[in-house]
Every structure is written in structure tokens, then in C-alpha cells.
Amino acid sequence: MPNIEVYGITGERTIDIEKKIHGLFETKPYAADYVITFIASGVVDKDGNNQPFLRLVSTPNAHLDDILLELQKLNMDIEVQMLKQFIPKKI
């Protein structure tokens, strides 16, 4: 399950970025597989300018390159953190 973490965006802006992210993936075959996590945080550079960014946390998968290409359309910095393993909950 790819997890798209959003840092440095809070309040009403979370709704906007959530809609944009869902719009990127709504027609993708993996649309039901990703989640978005909002990390309530302030992210600033040395001059105090806001520097929100995305972090994609995922195990290696066939869609990873496509997910990154789509996320780049948001024009935000992106960190990629690879997981060794993901264990889904039992249904």
C-alpha cells in the first residue's frame, strides 16, 4: 500500500491537495491501493519560507515509477522511502 505523506500543509489547504492527489490517480489500476496521510507540521527553510513536501512510503511495486511521475505534476519536493515489507490487516 503506497502511502503518500503530506508535510507542511494544514487547514483548508489539506482538502485542496487531497483532491488533487485523488485526481491524479482516479483512473489508475492501483487507485484503490494508495492512502494519503497528512502530517500536521510546519516546514520552513532557513529564511522562514514554507516548504511543504511529499514523502512516498512504499514497498517496491510495479506502479512506483508511475506514482512518482504523477506526483511530480503537483510541483512539490518528493522524498521516497522504501519499506522492506508491508503486512496488510486481516479482513
C-alpha atoms as a PDB file:
ATOM      1  CA  MET A   1       0.000   0.000   0.000  1.00  0.00           C
ATOM      2  CA  PRO A   2       1.770   3.177  -1.123  1.00  0.00           C
ATOM      3  CA  ASN A   3       1.387   5.901   1.499  1.00  0.00           C
ATOM      4  CA  ILE A   4       1.586   9.490   0.279  1.00  0.00           C
ATOM      5  CA  GLU A   5       2.540  11.591   3.291  1.00  0.00           C
ATOM      6  CA  VAL A   6       1.952  15.334   3.074  1.00  0.00           C
ATOM      7  CA  TYR A   7       4.107  17.605   5.247  1.00  0.00           C
ATOM      8  CA  GLY A   8       3.749  21.335   5.807  1.00  0.00           C
ATOM      9  CA  ILE A   9       0.154  21.715   4.596  1.00  0.00           C
ATOM     10  CA  THR A  10      -2.580  22.282   7.161  1.00  0.00           C
ATOM     11  CA  GLY A  11      -6.134  23.542   7.479  1.00  0.00           C
ATOM     12  CA  GLU A  12      -8.242  24.142   4.389  1.00  0.00           C
ATOM     13  CA  ARG A  13      -5.251  23.540   2.123  1.00  0.00           C
ATOM     14  CA  THR A  14      -5.365  19.834   3.013  1.00  0.00           C
ATOM     15  CA  ILE A  15      -8.705  19.493   1.224  1.00  0.00           C
ATOM     16  CA  ASP A  16      -7.257  21.041  -1.948  1.00  0.00           C
ATOM     17  CA  ILE A  17      -4.149  18.858  -2.047  1.00  0.00           C
ATOM     18  CA  GLU A  18      -6.186  15.731  -1.220  1.00  0.00           C
ATOM     19  CA  LYS A  19      -8.485  16.401  -4.191  1.00  0.00           C
ATOM     20  CA  LYS A  20      -5.501  16.988  -6.465  1.00  0.00           C
ATOM     21  CA  ILE A  21      -3.837  13.745  -5.407  1.00  0.00           C
ATOM     22  CA  HIS A  22      -7.021  11.729  -5.846  1.00  0.00           C
ATOM     23  CA  GLY A  23      -7.455  13.337  -9.272  1.00  0.00           C
ATOM     24  CA  LEU A  24      -4.021  12.121 -10.336  1.00  0.00           C
ATOM     25  CA  PHE A  25      -4.856   8.506  -9.573  1.00  0.00           C
ATOM     26  CA  GLU A  26      -8.624   8.152 -10.098  1.00  0.00           C
ATOM     27  CA  THR A  27      -8.261   6.255 -13.391  1.00  0.00           C
ATOM     28  CA  LYS A  28      -5.179   4.247 -12.459  1.00  0.00           C
ATOM     29  CA  PRO A  29      -5.402   0.481 -11.915  1.00  0.00           C
ATOM     30  CA  TYR A  30      -3.904   0.944  -8.442  1.00  0.00           C
ATOM     31  CA  ALA A  31      -6.354   3.704  -7.394  1.00  0.00           C
ATOM     32  CA  ALA A  32      -7.739   1.618  -4.523  1.00  0.00           C
ATOM     33  CA  ASP A  33      -4.288   0.734  -3.186  1.00  0.00           C
ATOM     34  CA  TYR A  34      -2.784   4.037  -2.005  1.00  0.00           C
ATOM     35  CA  VAL A  35      -3.510   6.142   1.069  1.00  0.00           C
ATOM     36  CA  ILE A  36      -2.816   9.775   1.945  1.00  0.00           C
ATOM     37  CA  THR A  37      -1.521  10.756   5.370  1.00  0.00           C
ATOM     38  CA  PHE A  38      -1.422  14.389   6.478  1.00  0.00           C
ATOM     39  CA  ILE A  39       1.339  15.156   8.953  1.00  0.00           C
ATOM     40  CA  ALA A  40       0.357  18.364  10.765  1.00  0.00           C
ATOM     41  CA  SER A  41       3.647  20.212  10.671  1.00  0.00           C
ATOM     42  CA  GLY A  42       5.389  23.388   9.756  1.00  0.00           C
ATOM     43  CA  VAL A  43       8.140  23.003   7.185  1.00  0.00           C
ATOM     44  CA  VAL A  44      10.270  26.085   6.644  1.00  0.00           C
ATOM     45  CA  ASP A  45      13.633  26.856   5.093  1.00  0.00           C
ATOM     46  CA  LYS A  46      16.355  28.993   6.711  1.00  0.00           C
ATOM     47  CA  ASP A  47      14.559  32.173   5.649  1.00  0.00           C
ATOM     48  CA  GLY A  48      11.246  31.081   7.166  1.00  0.00           C
ATOM     49  CA  ASN A  49       9.579  30.345   3.820  1.00  0.00           C
ATOM     50  CA  ASN A  50       7.072  27.495   3.758  1.00  0.00           C
ATOM     51  CA  GLN A  51       8.491  24.409   2.040  1.00  0.00           C
ATOM     52  CA  PRO A  52       5.786  21.731   2.044  1.00  0.00           C
ATOM     53  CA  PHE A  53       6.765  18.380   0.575  1.00  0.00           C
ATOM     54  CA  LEU A  54       5.516  14.877  -0.117  1.00  0.00           C
ATOM     55  CA  ARG A  55       7.003  11.636   1.109  1.00  0.00           C
ATOM     56  CA  LEU A  56       6.087   8.424  -0.696  1.00  0.00           C
ATOM     57  CA  VAL A  57       6.485   5.431   1.587  1.00  0.00           C
ATOM     58  CA  SER A  58       6.104   2.109  -0.196  1.00  0.00           C
ATOM     59  CA  THR A  59       7.384  -1.359  -0.771  1.00  0.00           C
ATOM     60  CA  PRO A  60       8.801  -1.839  -4.266  1.00  0.00           C
ATOM     61  CA  ASN A  61       5.954  -2.407  -6.711  1.00  0.00           C
ATOM     62  CA  ALA A  62       5.146  -2.275 -10.403  1.00  0.00           C
ATOM     63  CA  HIS A  63       3.420   1.116 -10.128  1.00  0.00           C
ATOM     64  CA  LEU A  64       6.087   3.032  -8.223  1.00  0.00           C
ATOM     65  CA  ASP A  65       7.551   4.869 -11.225  1.00  0.00           C
ATOM     66  CA  ASP A  66       4.091   5.879 -12.447  1.00  0.00           C
ATOM     67  CA  ILE A  67       3.088   7.111  -8.987  1.00  0.00           C
ATOM     68  CA  LEU A  68       6.192   9.303  -8.859  1.00  0.00           C
ATOM     69  CA  LEU A  69       5.568  10.686 -12.348  1.00  0.00           C
ATOM     70  CA  GLU A  70       2.030  11.629 -11.350  1.00  0.00           C
ATOM     71  CA  LEU A  71       3.092  13.207  -8.040  1.00  0.00           C
ATOM     72  CA  GLN A  72       5.639  15.374  -9.858  1.00  0.00           C
ATOM     73  CA  LYS A  73       2.701  17.154 -11.504  1.00  0.00           C
ATOM     74  CA  LEU A  74       1.990  18.767  -8.114  1.00  0.00           C
ATOM     75  CA  ASN A  75       5.303  20.648  -8.353  1.00  0.00           C
ATOM     76  CA  MET A  76       6.348  19.774  -4.805  1.00  0.00           C
ATOM     77  CA  ASP A  77       9.521  18.218  -3.448  1.00  0.00           C
ATOM     78  CA  ILE A  78       9.155  14.460  -3.091  1.00  0.00           C
ATOM     79  CA  GLU A  79      11.045  12.118  -0.800  1.00  0.00           C
ATOM     80  CA  VAL A  80      10.892   8.378  -1.414  1.00  0.00           C
ATOM     81  CA  GLN A  81      11.210   5.976   1.484  1.00  0.00           C
ATOM     82  CA  MET A  82      11.285   2.305   0.599  1.00  0.00           C
ATOM     83  CA  LEU A  83       9.893  -0.248   3.016  1.00  0.00           C
ATOM     84  CA  LYS A  84      11.264  -3.729   3.349  1.00  0.00           C
ATOM     85  CA  GLN A  85       7.848  -5.201   3.982  1.00  0.00           C
ATOM     86  CA  PHE A  86       4.164  -4.345   4.355  1.00  0.00           C
ATOM     87  CA  ILE A  87       1.780  -6.617   6.211  1.00  0.00           C
ATOM     88  CA  PRO A  88      -1.891  -5.854   5.476  1.00  0.00           C
ATOM     89  CA  LYS A  89      -4.552  -6.192   8.147  1.00  0.00           C
ATOM     90  CA  LYS A  90      -6.634  -9.327   8.166  1.00  0.00           C
ATOM     91  CA  ILE A  91     -10.132  -8.888   6.821  1.00  0.00           C
END
